[in-house]
Structure formats: structure tokens, C-alpha cells
């Protein structure tokens, strides 16, 4: 899994690599070289007019000098504008090596590719005067139609918090060195397309240390390995029996979407447990589902025992409602299906917070009691639902959000998937969070979370553990939205388009893309 690092965590990895025997200049040389290779690969057809490159005085400027020299070696005319003389020993060395190949001075105005190497991960706060003046020139190049490529972070973007300084220019592409910087991930619109470049940290910097709490991004083969194969001779009973409880009168659509997503996720059987008024709608719209009315939950068999469906996983919440009948149904289901892998979403989380409040307890403790016999349980709140569960306002700072999420997961004893941009996943007992950076604004619509619930429930039913089911489910959900947005757009696209795109998303997940040398991962520019 790739690390998503703060500025301090990124610096700690660099120090670990240097302590292992890689010189700081070798890291700089690798960064500038892979950046030049990416520019040649992406924009080779636009380099006939040359490249304008802006270099700062620190090590980010040193990366820029190396990139400039490598582009010049490839036959590209490079005009370099320095915001000041290089200050660090490695930047001074890089500038000296690059000097014979460069033309110095302000950009000529005809370059179609402009590289921003002014400030790196160490920057915080407002821009200094000379950097702000250089950013004005970046803006002028942008307005002329040039492509802006940022090295590690766009100048003025805080690598830890994502705060953007006044005057900072957004990039079309950001090339992150070694790790994906947290601030870049939090400000995808400012960073553009993201390339995570290999500068030789893997293996030498992956050791216990200061960055163990860095967020993790499961990607490529590491993610594909979490999805169990479906045997060629599988039958409906072995592909997972999924129960979806919800669908209060007037809210059948939530269960319909969850059921469709579960079937697209590969479920063998889907049981929908809904209000009697919702039975006809669910039967008509999802003919593959077996539909049961809520009162069945309170009927008894001849031996006096409650009837109990045979389920491999149960999801409760989509359109469940907040009535007394809803609460009674939730309570019965939790009792009848003890030990069954579980997803709690939407109204189930509202009812959990309500029950805890009435009992004078905290919601995390209530969830722990509800799920103490469940081996794999996932809760999927959005920010508003999570704030209600914790009884505290949602903090603005991402580190505070991450800390609260980890604490809640530990206290509740469940995996918590916090829906948002990006999505965060916390598992009890884990020091780090997993992050899912995929998705588009197509998912910012009612019913999106119900689809996610159906996908996660299916993965649980197929034997995937809670944390992996949450990460894989959110990734599939987000990648399907990216595919759908390419075809349908955000305006005009619907969740039906996302569901139709799930086969393509599965193929992308199960057969990860092969990247060129020096590239670890990529993310598309936000739609």
C-alpha cells in the first residue's frame, strides 16, 4: 500500500532512505529525472515550443534544475527562471550541473509546457514576494493556454493540511515524489491529475518509524489481492447470500439501489426485507431479489422461535426510516442474526445515535454491544451522521477528523468508513487510516450511499474481512463513478450510469494497469 504522507512524514521517509545509504542528491537526481520522463511522455507533442521552468531556492528548485537538464539532454529547449540563487548544497550542485544546457531568463511566452518547481513540501503560510511574483508569471502562462506541471506540490499548497496560499496557481498535473502528499490528495482540483513517482524509497524507507501513522492507499495488485475469485463452478449459494433491510413506505428506492449494486457486486442471492407497502416496487424493479415484508421479522414458527433467513451478510439502513417500527425491526434483526457479518448505514446509524442518547450512553459503546458477536462489522456514515454519532461538531482540520475516526473505531469495535472526498476507513486496533481517493461529483446524489452499502455487504458475504470489504467497496464505487462520468458527465449522469459502469470498474480493479518505469500510480484529474 502506498503512503499518503504529511510533510513531516515525507521528510522522515527521506531521512530513512539517506540513513540506509542513498544520498540526498541521488534522491534529487531520481526526482528530477522521473519528472522529465513524465513530461516527455505526456506532452512530447507540445514540446516543440520549448519548456519554461520556474525554480525556487531550495531542494524543490534542485529537482527542477535536474528536470530541466534532463529535458535539455532530450533535445528540448528549456528556459529557466530562478526565483533566487539556490541555497541548499544539493540544489547548488544540481544548478551547476544543469547550467550548460539551459537558457536563463523569464519565459518567452510561446512555451506550451510550464514546470512549477518553486516551493515543495516544506512550505507553510503566505507566499514570499519573489515567489508570488513568479506565480503571477505562472498565471500568465496558464491564461495563454500552457499546461502547468507541479513538482511534488503546486507552489503555495500546504502538503499537510491542503491549505492554499493566496496567489497559488493550480496545476494540470502534479508529480509527487515517493509518496502521495496528503495536501495534494485533499485538494485534487488544485493538483489536477496526480502521478506518484518512484524515487527509490521503497524497501529502504519502509521500516518502523516516524511515518507509521501515515494514511495508506491500497492500489493495484495490493488491492486486487483482497478480492476472492469466483470459482468457475460456483452456484448462487456459494456466491453469497446478502440481506438488505430497509425500504420504509415511500423509500423503496433505497433498497432497490442497494440490491442492484449487490447484484453488480456478484451476489448469488439478494434478500430484501422491506415495509409491506414497498414489496411491489422492489419486486417489480429488482426481479432477481427475494422480497420479504417486515412483519415476517415478528412472526414465529410452530416451535415458538423467530423465523430467520439464512444470510452470509446483512446490511441494515437503506430507507429503513426512523419510526418505532423501524427501531423494532432493527433490534429484531440484530438479535436474530447474531454472528452474521454486518453493514450499518443511514437510518440504522441514526437509530443507533438515538438509542444511545435515550439511554445516556455514547453511540460507540452502543454499537459495540450490538456487534459484540459479529466478526466483521462495517459502519458507513457521512460527515453529518458521524458528527451525530459522536455528539460533537465535525472538525475542520483533517488531522482532527482522522484522530476522531480512529478513536471511534477503536471504541465501537467496528470498521468505520467515512464517506467523503476522499473516503477514509478506520479499523479497530489499526494505527493508520486507509484512504480511497476515487470518485466524482456524480456520487454526490441521494442513493449513492445505498449502492455502496450493497457492494460492501456482498463482499462481506463472500468472505472478505470488514476493513478490506470497506476499502474494496469504496474503490469499486468510486472507479465506477469515474468511468460513468467520462461517458455521461456529472450533469446528465445518474446512479444508473454508475451501476452500468461497474463491470468496467471490476475489470480495472482485478486487472490493474501497468505503469511505465518510474511511475507507481496515477489518479485522473477531477471531473
Protein backbone atom coordinates (compact mmCIF):
# COMPACT_ATOMS: atom_id res chain seq x y z
CA UNK A 1 0.00 0.00 0.00
CA UNK A 2 1.26 3.48 -0.81
CA UNK A 3 1.68 6.01 1.94
CA UNK A 4 -0.24 9.28 1.88
CA UNK A 5 2.08 11.50 3.89
CA UNK A 6 2.16 14.79 5.67
CA UNK A 7 5.20 17.00 5.09
CA UNK A 8 6.82 15.61 8.26
CA UNK A 9 6.11 12.00 7.28
CA UNK A 10 7.56 12.57 3.80
CA UNK A 11 10.69 14.11 5.30
CA UNK A 12 11.03 11.15 7.69
CA UNK A 13 11.00 8.74 4.75
CA UNK A 14 13.71 10.76 3.01
CA UNK A 15 15.82 10.65 6.17
CA UNK A 16 15.32 6.89 6.47
CA UNK A 17 16.47 6.41 2.88
CA UNK A 18 19.52 8.60 3.46
CA UNK A 19 20.35 6.70 6.65
CA UNK A 20 20.14 3.48 4.61
CA UNK A 21 22.83 4.72 2.25
CA UNK A 22 21.04 6.67 -0.51
CA UNK A 23 22.44 10.19 -0.75
CA UNK A 24 20.12 13.19 -0.71
CA UNK A 25 21.46 14.19 -4.11
CA UNK A 26 20.62 10.75 -5.52
CA UNK A 27 17.01 11.29 -4.37
CA UNK A 28 17.03 14.70 -6.08
CA UNK A 29 18.51 13.22 -9.24
CA UNK A 30 15.84 10.50 -9.28
CA UNK A 31 13.03 13.02 -8.71
CA UNK A 32 14.10 15.38 -11.49
CA UNK A 33 14.77 12.54 -13.91
CA UNK A 34 11.40 10.84 -13.43
CA UNK A 35 9.66 14.24 -13.70
CA UNK A 36 11.37 14.92 -17.03
CA UNK A 37 10.43 11.46 -18.30
CA UNK A 38 6.79 12.05 -17.37
CA UNK A 39 6.74 15.42 -19.15
CA UNK A 40 8.22 13.82 -22.27
CA UNK A 41 5.69 11.00 -22.12
CA UNK A 42 2.62 13.14 -21.56
CA UNK A 43 3.43 16.28 -23.50
CA UNK A 44 6.01 15.29 -26.11
CA UNK A 45 3.80 16.67 -28.89
CA UNK A 46 3.77 20.09 -27.21
CA UNK A 47 7.50 20.48 -26.57
CA UNK A 48 8.43 21.92 -29.94
CA UNK A 49 7.95 25.41 -28.49
CA UNK A 50 10.21 24.60 -25.55
CA UNK A 51 9.58 24.41 -21.83
CA UNK A 52 9.52 27.22 -19.29
CA UNK A 53 10.68 26.11 -15.89
CA UNK A 54 10.45 28.01 -12.58
CA UNK A 55 12.94 27.03 -9.88
CA UNK A 56 12.93 28.01 -6.23
CA UNK A 57 15.94 28.35 -3.98
CA UNK A 58 15.50 25.11 -2.00
CA UNK A 59 15.51 21.41 -2.82
CA UNK A 60 12.31 21.65 -4.85
CA UNK A 61 14.23 24.06 -7.05
CA UNK A 62 17.03 21.46 -7.18
CA UNK A 63 14.52 18.91 -8.51
CA UNK A 64 13.56 21.48 -11.13
CA UNK A 65 17.18 22.02 -12.21
CA UNK A 66 17.62 18.27 -12.70
CA UNK A 67 14.37 18.04 -14.68
CA UNK A 68 15.50 20.96 -16.83
CA UNK A 69 18.85 19.33 -17.55
CA UNK A 70 17.26 16.01 -18.48
CA UNK A 71 14.76 17.69 -20.81
CA UNK A 72 17.60 19.59 -22.45
CA UNK A 73 19.51 16.34 -22.93
CA UNK A 74 16.43 15.02 -24.75
CA UNK A 75 16.63 17.93 -27.20
CA UNK A 76 14.04 20.21 -25.60
CA UNK A 77 14.75 23.93 -25.37
CA UNK A 78 14.42 24.88 -21.71
CA UNK A 79 14.19 28.43 -20.42
CA UNK A 80 14.67 28.56 -16.68
CA UNK A 81 13.54 31.36 -14.42
CA UNK A 82 15.09 31.26 -10.93
CA UNK A 83 13.28 32.93 -8.06
CA UNK A 84 16.70 33.37 -6.45
CA UNK A 85 20.09 31.65 -6.28
CA UNK A 86 19.96 28.08 -4.95
CA UNK A 87 20.59 27.86 -1.20
CA UNK A 88 20.97 24.19 -0.28
CA UNK A 89 24.12 22.21 -1.15
CA UNK A 90 22.22 19.74 -3.31
CA UNK A 91 20.30 22.47 -5.16
CA UNK A 92 23.59 24.32 -5.79
CA UNK A 93 25.10 21.13 -7.19
CA UNK A 94 22.05 20.48 -9.41
CA UNK A 95 22.09 24.06 -10.73
CA UNK A 96 25.79 23.81 -11.58
CA UNK A 97 25.30 20.55 -13.47
CA UNK A 98 22.33 21.92 -15.40
CA UNK A 99 23.80 25.34 -16.22
CA UNK A 100 25.44 24.50 -19.58
CA UNK A 101 22.19 23.18 -21.03
CA UNK A 102 19.85 25.99 -20.02
CA UNK A 103 18.73 29.38 -21.24
CA UNK A 104 18.13 31.64 -18.26
CA UNK A 105 15.54 34.35 -18.02
CA UNK A 106 11.82 34.99 -17.99
CA UNK A 107 9.63 32.70 -20.14
CA UNK A 108 9.33 33.85 -23.73
CA UNK A 109 5.57 33.39 -23.73
CA UNK A 110 5.42 30.80 -26.50
CA UNK A 111 6.12 27.71 -24.36
CA UNK A 112 3.20 25.27 -24.16
CA UNK A 113 4.52 23.43 -21.08
CA UNK A 114 5.50 25.21 -17.86
CA UNK A 115 7.02 23.44 -14.86
CA UNK A 116 6.48 24.74 -11.32
CA UNK A 117 9.46 23.90 -9.10
CA UNK A 118 9.27 26.94 -6.84
CA UNK A 119 8.23 25.52 -3.45
CA UNK A 120 7.94 21.98 -2.14
CA UNK A 121 6.59 20.14 0.87
CA UNK A 122 8.34 22.35 3.43
CA UNK A 123 6.26 25.42 2.62
CA UNK A 124 3.65 26.80 5.00
CA UNK A 125 1.82 30.12 5.15
CA UNK A 126 1.73 33.03 2.68
CA UNK A 127 4.00 33.29 -0.34
CA UNK A 128 7.13 35.39 -0.18
CA UNK A 129 7.26 38.38 -2.52
CA UNK A 130 9.60 36.82 -5.10
CA UNK A 131 7.56 33.58 -5.15
CA UNK A 132 4.29 35.49 -5.50
CA UNK A 133 5.81 37.39 -8.46
CA UNK A 134 6.79 34.10 -10.10
CA UNK A 135 3.25 32.80 -9.55
CA UNK A 136 1.94 35.81 -11.46
CA UNK A 137 4.03 34.62 -14.40
CA UNK A 138 2.63 31.11 -13.96
CA UNK A 139 -0.86 32.58 -14.16
CA UNK A 140 0.01 34.47 -17.33
CA UNK A 141 1.28 31.24 -18.90
CA UNK A 142 -1.90 29.47 -17.83
CA UNK A 143 -4.03 32.19 -19.39
CA UNK A 144 -2.08 31.77 -22.64
CA UNK A 145 -3.10 28.11 -22.67
CA UNK A 146 0.08 26.49 -21.33
CA UNK A 147 -0.01 23.25 -19.37
CA UNK A 148 1.24 23.65 -15.78
CA UNK A 149 3.17 20.75 -14.22
CA UNK A 150 3.92 20.95 -10.48
CA UNK A 151 6.81 19.13 -8.84
CA UNK A 152 5.72 17.35 -5.64
CA UNK A 153 3.08 20.02 -4.79
CA UNK A 154 1.75 23.11 -6.56
CA UNK A 155 3.56 26.12 -5.13
CA UNK A 156 1.63 27.53 -2.19
CA UNK A 157 -0.26 24.30 -1.39
CA UNK A 158 0.41 23.09 2.15
CA UNK A 159 1.50 19.45 1.79
CA UNK A 160 -0.04 18.52 5.15
CA UNK A 161 -3.29 20.46 5.51
CA UNK A 162 -4.14 21.28 1.92
CA UNK A 163 -4.36 24.99 2.72
CA UNK A 164 -3.83 27.09 -0.40
CA UNK A 165 -1.91 30.37 -0.12
CA UNK A 166 -3.16 33.45 -1.93
CA UNK A 167 -1.56 33.61 -5.37
CA UNK A 168 -1.01 29.85 -5.69
CA UNK A 169 -1.68 28.53 -9.18
CA UNK A 170 -3.47 25.22 -9.78
CA UNK A 171 -1.63 22.60 -11.81
CA UNK A 172 -2.84 20.45 -14.66
CA UNK A 173 -0.55 17.66 -13.44
CA UNK A 174 1.23 17.20 -10.10
CA UNK A 175 4.13 14.73 -9.90
CA UNK A 176 4.51 13.56 -6.29
CA UNK A 177 7.91 12.11 -5.40
CA UNK A 178 7.95 8.84 -3.47
CA UNK A 179 4.64 9.31 -1.68
CA UNK A 180 1.30 10.93 -2.37
CA UNK A 181 1.21 14.09 -0.26
CA UNK A 182 -1.88 14.47 1.91
CA UNK A 183 -2.49 18.09 0.96
CA UNK A 184 -2.38 17.17 -2.73
CA UNK A 185 -5.00 14.48 -2.17
CA UNK A 186 -7.21 16.86 -0.21
CA UNK A 187 -7.01 19.49 -2.97
CA UNK A 188 -7.44 17.36 -6.08
CA UNK A 189 -8.93 20.24 -8.08
CA UNK A 190 -5.82 22.33 -7.37
CA UNK A 191 -3.42 19.48 -8.13
CA UNK A 192 -5.02 18.21 -11.35
CA UNK A 193 -4.01 14.74 -12.49
CA UNK A 194 -1.65 13.09 -9.99
CA UNK A 195 1.39 10.96 -10.72
CA UNK A 196 3.16 9.17 -7.85
CA UNK A 197 6.77 8.79 -8.97
CA UNK A 198 9.30 6.22 -7.78
CA UNK A 199 12.49 7.83 -6.46
CA UNK A 200 13.88 4.75 -4.74
CA UNK A 201 12.29 5.00 -1.29
CA UNK A 202 10.51 1.64 -1.35
CA UNK A 203 12.40 -1.03 0.50
CA UNK A 204 14.87 1.32 2.15
CA UNK A 205 12.40 3.72 3.78
CA UNK A 206 9.66 1.17 4.53
CA UNK A 207 10.56 0.46 8.11
CA UNK A 208 9.02 1.20 11.52
CA UNK A 209 9.50 4.84 12.32
CA UNK A 210 8.04 8.30 12.34
CA UNK A 211 5.63 7.70 9.47
CA UNK A 212 3.85 4.57 10.69
CA UNK A 213 0.67 6.59 11.20
CA UNK A 214 0.65 7.84 7.61
CA UNK A 215 -2.54 7.15 5.70
CA UNK A 216 -2.39 4.16 3.37
CA UNK A 217 -3.75 3.90 -0.16
CA UNK A 218 -4.42 0.34 -1.33
CA UNK A 219 -3.78 0.31 -5.05
CA UNK A 220 -3.10 -2.00 -7.95
CA UNK A 221 -2.21 -5.61 -7.17
CA UNK A 222 -2.30 -4.97 -3.42
CA UNK A 223 -5.99 -4.12 -3.78
CA UNK A 224 -6.80 -6.84 -6.32
CA UNK A 225 -5.43 -9.46 -3.91
CA UNK A 226 -8.21 -8.61 -1.43
CA UNK A 227 -10.96 -9.76 -3.81
CA UNK A 228 -11.70 -13.51 -3.72
CA UNK A 229 -12.03 -15.25 -7.05
CA UNK A 230 -15.41 -16.71 -8.00
CA UNK A 231 -14.93 -20.36 -8.91
CA UNK A 232 -15.82 -21.45 -12.42
CA UNK A 233 -18.32 -23.95 -10.98
CA UNK A 234 -19.84 -21.59 -8.40
CA UNK A 235 -23.59 -21.57 -7.79
CA UNK A 236 -25.86 -18.98 -6.25
CA UNK A 237 -25.37 -20.37 -2.78
CA UNK A 238 -21.60 -20.04 -2.91
CA UNK A 239 -21.55 -16.51 -4.35
CA UNK A 240 -23.02 -15.07 -1.15
CA UNK A 241 -26.49 -14.65 0.35
CA UNK A 242 -27.00 -10.94 1.06
CA UNK A 243 -29.77 -9.47 3.20
CA UNK A 244 -30.77 -5.82 2.75
CA UNK A 245 -33.11 -4.40 5.37
CA UNK A 246 -34.82 -1.05 4.85
CA UNK A 247 -37.38 0.30 2.41
CA UNK A 248 -39.85 2.04 4.70
CA UNK A 249 -43.05 3.16 2.98
CA UNK A 250 -42.09 5.79 0.41
CA UNK A 251 -38.39 4.79 0.48
CA UNK A 252 -38.33 1.60 -1.55
CA UNK A 253 -35.78 3.15 -3.91
CA UNK A 254 -33.01 2.91 -1.32
CA UNK A 255 -33.29 -0.88 -1.14
CA UNK A 256 -33.71 -1.10 -4.91
CA UNK A 257 -30.38 0.68 -5.43
CA UNK A 258 -28.65 -1.38 -2.75
CA UNK A 259 -29.97 -4.60 -4.30
CA UNK A 260 -28.89 -3.63 -7.81
CA UNK A 261 -25.42 -2.75 -6.53
CA UNK A 262 -25.21 -6.06 -4.61
CA UNK A 263 -26.05 -7.98 -7.79
CA UNK A 264 -23.47 -5.97 -9.74
CA UNK A 265 -21.05 -6.80 -6.96
CA UNK A 266 -21.50 -10.50 -7.67
CA UNK A 267 -24.02 -11.61 -5.03
CA UNK A 268 -25.60 -15.01 -5.59
CA UNK A 269 -28.84 -14.28 -3.73
CA UNK A 270 -30.27 -10.99 -2.54
CA UNK A 271 -32.99 -10.91 0.12
CA UNK A 272 -34.77 -7.57 0.55
CA UNK A 273 -36.55 -7.04 3.86
CA UNK A 274 -38.91 -4.09 3.43
CA UNK A 275 -42.09 -2.45 4.65
CA UNK A 276 -45.18 -4.21 3.19
CA UNK A 277 -46.01 -1.08 1.18
CA UNK A 278 -42.61 -1.35 -0.57
CA UNK A 279 -42.85 -5.01 -1.57
CA UNK A 280 -44.48 -4.48 -5.01
CA UNK A 281 -41.99 -1.79 -6.02
CA UNK A 282 -38.94 -3.84 -5.06
CA UNK A 283 -40.30 -6.97 -6.75
CA UNK A 284 -41.03 -5.03 -9.94
CA UNK A 285 -37.72 -3.13 -10.08
CA UNK A 286 -35.37 -5.91 -8.94
CA UNK A 287 -36.91 -9.18 -10.13
CA UNK A 288 -33.78 -11.12 -9.13
CA UNK A 289 -34.30 -10.27 -5.44
CA UNK A 290 -36.32 -12.31 -2.97
CA UNK A 291 -38.55 -9.81 -1.16
CA UNK A 292 -39.81 -10.21 2.40
CA UNK A 293 -42.12 -7.89 4.30
CA UNK A 294 -41.09 -6.52 7.66
CA UNK A 295 -43.80 -8.28 9.70
CA UNK A 296 -42.08 -11.58 8.92
CA UNK A 297 -39.50 -10.41 11.39
CA UNK A 298 -42.03 -10.71 14.21
CA UNK A 299 -43.80 -13.89 13.14
CA UNK A 300 -42.99 -17.10 14.96
CA UNK A 301 -42.68 -20.63 13.75
CA UNK A 302 -44.59 -23.58 15.25
CA UNK A 303 -41.86 -24.13 17.79
CA UNK A 304 -42.20 -20.57 19.01
CA UNK A 305 -38.88 -19.43 17.56
CA UNK A 306 -38.46 -16.39 15.34
CA UNK A 307 -38.10 -17.09 11.65
CA UNK A 308 -34.55 -16.44 10.46
CA UNK A 309 -33.27 -16.12 6.93
CA UNK A 310 -30.06 -17.88 6.01
CA UNK A 311 -27.70 -14.99 5.22
CA UNK A 312 -23.96 -14.66 4.73
CA UNK A 313 -24.11 -10.90 5.38
CA UNK A 314 -26.76 -8.41 6.40
CA UNK A 315 -26.97 -4.69 5.67
CA UNK A 316 -29.44 -2.59 7.67
CA UNK A 317 -30.33 1.00 6.97
CA UNK A 318 -31.16 1.96 3.36
CA UNK A 319 -34.53 3.68 3.64
CA UNK A 320 -35.18 1.99 7.00
CA UNK A 321 -36.87 5.08 8.41
CA UNK A 322 -36.80 6.40 11.95
CA UNK A 323 -40.17 5.24 13.28
CA UNK A 324 -40.82 2.95 16.24
CA UNK A 325 -41.43 0.10 13.77
CA UNK A 326 -38.08 0.84 12.17
CA UNK A 327 -36.35 0.69 15.54
CA UNK A 328 -38.13 -2.57 16.43
CA UNK A 329 -37.14 -4.12 13.12
CA UNK A 330 -33.52 -3.09 13.64
CA UNK A 331 -33.50 -4.57 17.14
CA UNK A 332 -35.01 -7.85 15.96
CA UNK A 333 -32.64 -8.22 13.05
CA UNK A 334 -29.60 -7.65 15.26
CA UNK A 335 -30.88 -10.31 17.65
CA UNK A 336 -31.89 -12.82 15.01
CA UNK A 337 -28.66 -12.59 13.04
CA UNK A 338 -26.02 -12.58 15.74
CA UNK A 339 -22.69 -13.54 14.28
CA UNK A 340 -23.62 -12.56 10.72
CA UNK A 341 -21.27 -10.05 9.04
CA UNK A 342 -23.00 -6.71 9.18
CA UNK A 343 -23.22 -3.30 7.50
CA UNK A 344 -24.95 -0.46 9.34
CA UNK A 345 -25.80 2.59 7.25
CA UNK A 346 -28.08 5.61 7.01
CA UNK A 347 -31.16 5.29 9.25
CA UNK A 348 -29.63 2.42 11.22
CA UNK A 349 -26.90 4.83 12.37
CA UNK A 350 -29.49 7.49 13.18
CA UNK A 351 -31.37 4.96 15.30
CA UNK A 352 -28.14 3.92 17.00
CA UNK A 353 -27.39 7.51 18.00
CA UNK A 354 -30.98 8.00 19.11
CA UNK A 355 -30.96 4.85 21.26
CA UNK A 356 -27.66 5.82 22.86
CA UNK A 357 -28.93 9.32 23.62
CA UNK A 358 -32.08 7.97 25.28
CA UNK A 359 -30.01 5.58 27.37
CA UNK A 360 -27.50 8.25 28.37
CA UNK A 361 -24.71 6.32 26.68
CA UNK A 362 -22.36 7.08 23.80
CA UNK A 363 -23.10 5.67 20.36
CA UNK A 364 -19.73 3.90 20.08
CA UNK A 365 -20.45 1.83 23.19
CA UNK A 366 -23.94 1.06 21.91
CA UNK A 367 -22.52 -0.16 18.62
CA UNK A 368 -20.01 -2.33 20.46
CA UNK A 369 -22.88 -4.02 22.35
CA UNK A 370 -24.85 -4.51 19.13
CA UNK A 371 -21.93 -6.05 17.26
CA UNK A 372 -20.01 -7.88 20.01
CA UNK A 373 -20.84 -11.25 18.44
CA UNK A 374 -20.27 -10.06 14.86
CA UNK A 375 -16.84 -10.98 13.45
CA UNK A 376 -16.96 -8.40 10.66
CA UNK A 377 -18.98 -5.19 11.01
CA UNK A 378 -18.82 -2.01 8.94
CA UNK A 379 -20.49 1.34 9.57
CA UNK A 380 -20.71 3.79 6.66
CA UNK A 381 -21.62 7.29 7.91
CA UNK A 382 -21.19 10.54 6.05
CA UNK A 383 -19.80 13.53 7.94
CA UNK A 384 -23.18 14.64 9.32
CA UNK A 385 -24.07 11.15 10.54
CA UNK A 386 -20.65 10.72 12.10
CA UNK A 387 -20.98 14.03 13.95
CA UNK A 388 -24.32 12.84 15.33
CA UNK A 389 -22.81 9.52 16.39
CA UNK A 390 -20.02 11.26 18.29
CA UNK A 391 -22.21 14.06 19.63
CA UNK A 392 -19.63 16.68 18.63
CA UNK A 393 -19.34 19.18 15.76
CA UNK A 394 -17.42 17.99 12.73
CA UNK A 395 -13.89 19.49 12.91
CA UNK A 396 -12.45 21.47 10.03
CA UNK A 397 -8.91 20.08 10.35
CA UNK A 398 -8.34 16.75 8.65
CA UNK A 399 -5.96 15.52 11.33
CA UNK A 400 -8.64 16.10 13.96
CA UNK A 401 -11.12 14.19 11.78
CA UNK A 402 -8.68 11.31 11.39
CA UNK A 403 -7.99 11.16 15.13
CA UNK A 404 -11.70 11.14 15.95
CA UNK A 405 -12.39 8.46 13.37
CA UNK A 406 -9.66 6.18 14.74
CA UNK A 407 -10.86 6.67 18.31
CA UNK A 408 -14.47 5.88 17.38
CA UNK A 409 -13.49 2.71 15.51
CA UNK A 410 -11.45 1.51 18.49
CA UNK A 411 -14.23 2.28 20.97
CA UNK A 412 -17.04 0.80 18.88
CA UNK A 413 -15.01 -2.22 17.77
CA UNK A 414 -16.20 -1.84 14.18
CA UNK A 415 -14.67 -0.73 10.89
CA UNK A 416 -15.86 2.78 10.09
CA UNK A 417 -15.99 4.04 6.51
CA UNK A 418 -16.36 7.81 6.48
CA UNK A 419 -17.88 8.75 3.14
CA UNK A 420 -16.49 11.89 1.54
CA UNK A 421 -13.77 13.30 -0.68
CA UNK A 422 -11.58 11.43 -0.01
CA UNK A 423 -13.16 8.47 1.78
CA UNK A 424 -11.39 7.35 4.97
CA UNK A 425 -11.54 3.88 6.53
CA UNK A 426 -10.58 3.15 10.14
CA UNK A 427 -10.37 -0.35 11.57
CA UNK A 428 -10.25 -1.08 15.31
CA UNK A 429 -6.70 -1.51 16.56
CA UNK A 430 -5.06 -0.04 13.45
CA UNK A 431 -2.61 2.85 13.86
CA UNK A 432 -3.21 4.19 10.37
CA UNK A 433 -6.18 5.03 8.21
CA UNK A 434 -6.79 3.73 4.74
CA UNK A 435 -7.83 6.27 2.15
CA UNK A 436 -9.85 5.83 -1.04
CA UNK A 437 -9.22 8.73 -3.44
CA UNK A 438 -11.58 7.62 -6.21
CA UNK A 439 -14.95 9.09 -7.16
CA UNK A 440 -16.57 12.10 -8.77
CA UNK A 441 -19.39 14.51 -8.02
CA UNK A 442 -21.70 12.01 -9.74
CA UNK A 443 -21.80 10.28 -6.35
CA UNK A 444 -23.00 13.45 -4.61
CA UNK A 445 -26.63 12.44 -5.01
CA UNK A 446 -29.28 10.64 -2.99
CA UNK A 447 -28.94 6.86 -3.15
CA UNK A 448 -25.19 6.76 -3.72
CA UNK A 449 -24.55 5.51 -0.19
CA UNK A 450 -27.20 2.79 -0.63
CA UNK A 451 -25.26 1.47 -3.64
CA UNK A 452 -22.06 1.43 -1.58
CA UNK A 453 -23.84 -0.49 1.19
CA UNK A 454 -24.97 -3.17 -1.24
CA UNK A 455 -21.44 -3.59 -2.61
CA UNK A 456 -19.82 -3.87 0.83
CA UNK A 457 -22.46 -6.32 2.05
CA UNK A 458 -21.77 -8.55 -0.96
CA UNK A 459 -18.03 -8.56 -0.29
CA UNK A 460 -18.66 -9.49 3.34
CA UNK A 461 -20.98 -12.30 2.19
CA UNK A 462 -18.16 -13.61 0.00
CA UNK A 463 -15.80 -13.87 2.96
CA UNK A 464 -13.88 -10.60 2.71
CA UNK A 465 -12.94 -9.17 6.11
CA UNK A 466 -14.51 -5.90 7.21
CA UNK A 467 -11.65 -3.47 6.55
CA UNK A 468 -10.93 -4.96 3.12
CA UNK A 469 -14.61 -5.02 2.17
CA UNK A 470 -14.89 -1.33 3.04
CA UNK A 471 -11.79 -0.33 1.04
CA UNK A 472 -12.55 -2.51 -1.98
CA UNK A 473 -16.20 -1.48 -1.97
CA UNK A 474 -15.43 2.22 -1.83
CA UNK A 475 -12.78 1.86 -4.53
CA UNK A 476 -15.12 0.00 -6.87
CA UNK A 477 -17.87 2.55 -6.19
CA UNK A 478 -15.53 5.44 -6.94
CA UNK A 479 -13.90 3.95 -10.03
CA UNK A 480 -17.32 3.09 -11.49
CA UNK A 481 -18.32 6.73 -10.96
CA UNK A 482 -15.16 7.87 -12.77
CA UNK A 483 -15.97 5.63 -15.73
CA UNK A 484 -19.59 6.80 -15.79
CA UNK A 485 -18.60 10.44 -15.58
CA UNK A 486 -16.33 10.12 -18.62
CA UNK A 487 -19.29 8.88 -20.64
CA UNK A 488 -22.26 10.73 -19.16
CA UNK A 489 -20.78 13.67 -17.27
CA UNK A 490 -21.87 14.84 -13.84
CA UNK A 491 -24.77 16.85 -15.22
CA UNK A 492 -26.84 14.26 -17.03
CA UNK A 493 -25.25 11.27 -15.34
CA UNK A 494 -27.17 9.25 -12.75
CA UNK A 495 -26.53 6.36 -10.40
CA UNK A 496 -27.87 4.08 -13.13
CA UNK A 497 -24.84 5.10 -15.20
CA UNK A 498 -22.57 4.29 -12.27
CA UNK A 499 -24.16 0.85 -11.88
CA UNK A 500 -23.81 0.23 -15.61
CA UNK A 501 -20.11 1.10 -15.31
CA UNK A 502 -19.43 -1.43 -12.54
CA UNK A 503 -18.28 -4.20 -14.92
CA UNK A 504 -15.59 -1.89 -16.28
CA UNK A 505 -14.65 -0.91 -12.72
CA UNK A 506 -14.33 -4.58 -11.75
CA UNK A 507 -12.06 -5.21 -14.72
CA UNK A 508 -9.88 -2.24 -13.76
CA UNK A 509 -9.68 -3.47 -10.16
CA UNK A 510 -8.99 -7.13 -10.93
CA UNK A 511 -6.51 -6.43 -13.76
CA UNK A 512 -4.50 -3.40 -12.59
CA UNK A 513 -2.90 -1.13 -15.15
CA UNK A 514 0.79 -1.48 -15.95
CA UNK A 515 2.69 1.77 -15.42
CA UNK A 516 5.82 2.92 -17.23
CA UNK A 517 9.17 2.79 -15.41
CA UNK A 518 9.37 5.32 -12.61
CA UNK A 519 5.59 5.59 -12.09
CA UNK A 520 3.97 3.93 -9.08
CA UNK A 521 0.39 5.13 -9.50
CA UNK A 522 -1.78 7.76 -11.14
CA UNK A 523 -5.07 9.49 -10.43
CA UNK A 524 -7.10 11.31 -13.08
CA UNK A 525 -7.86 15.00 -12.81
CA UNK A 526 -11.21 15.55 -11.06
CA UNK A 527 -14.17 15.64 -13.44
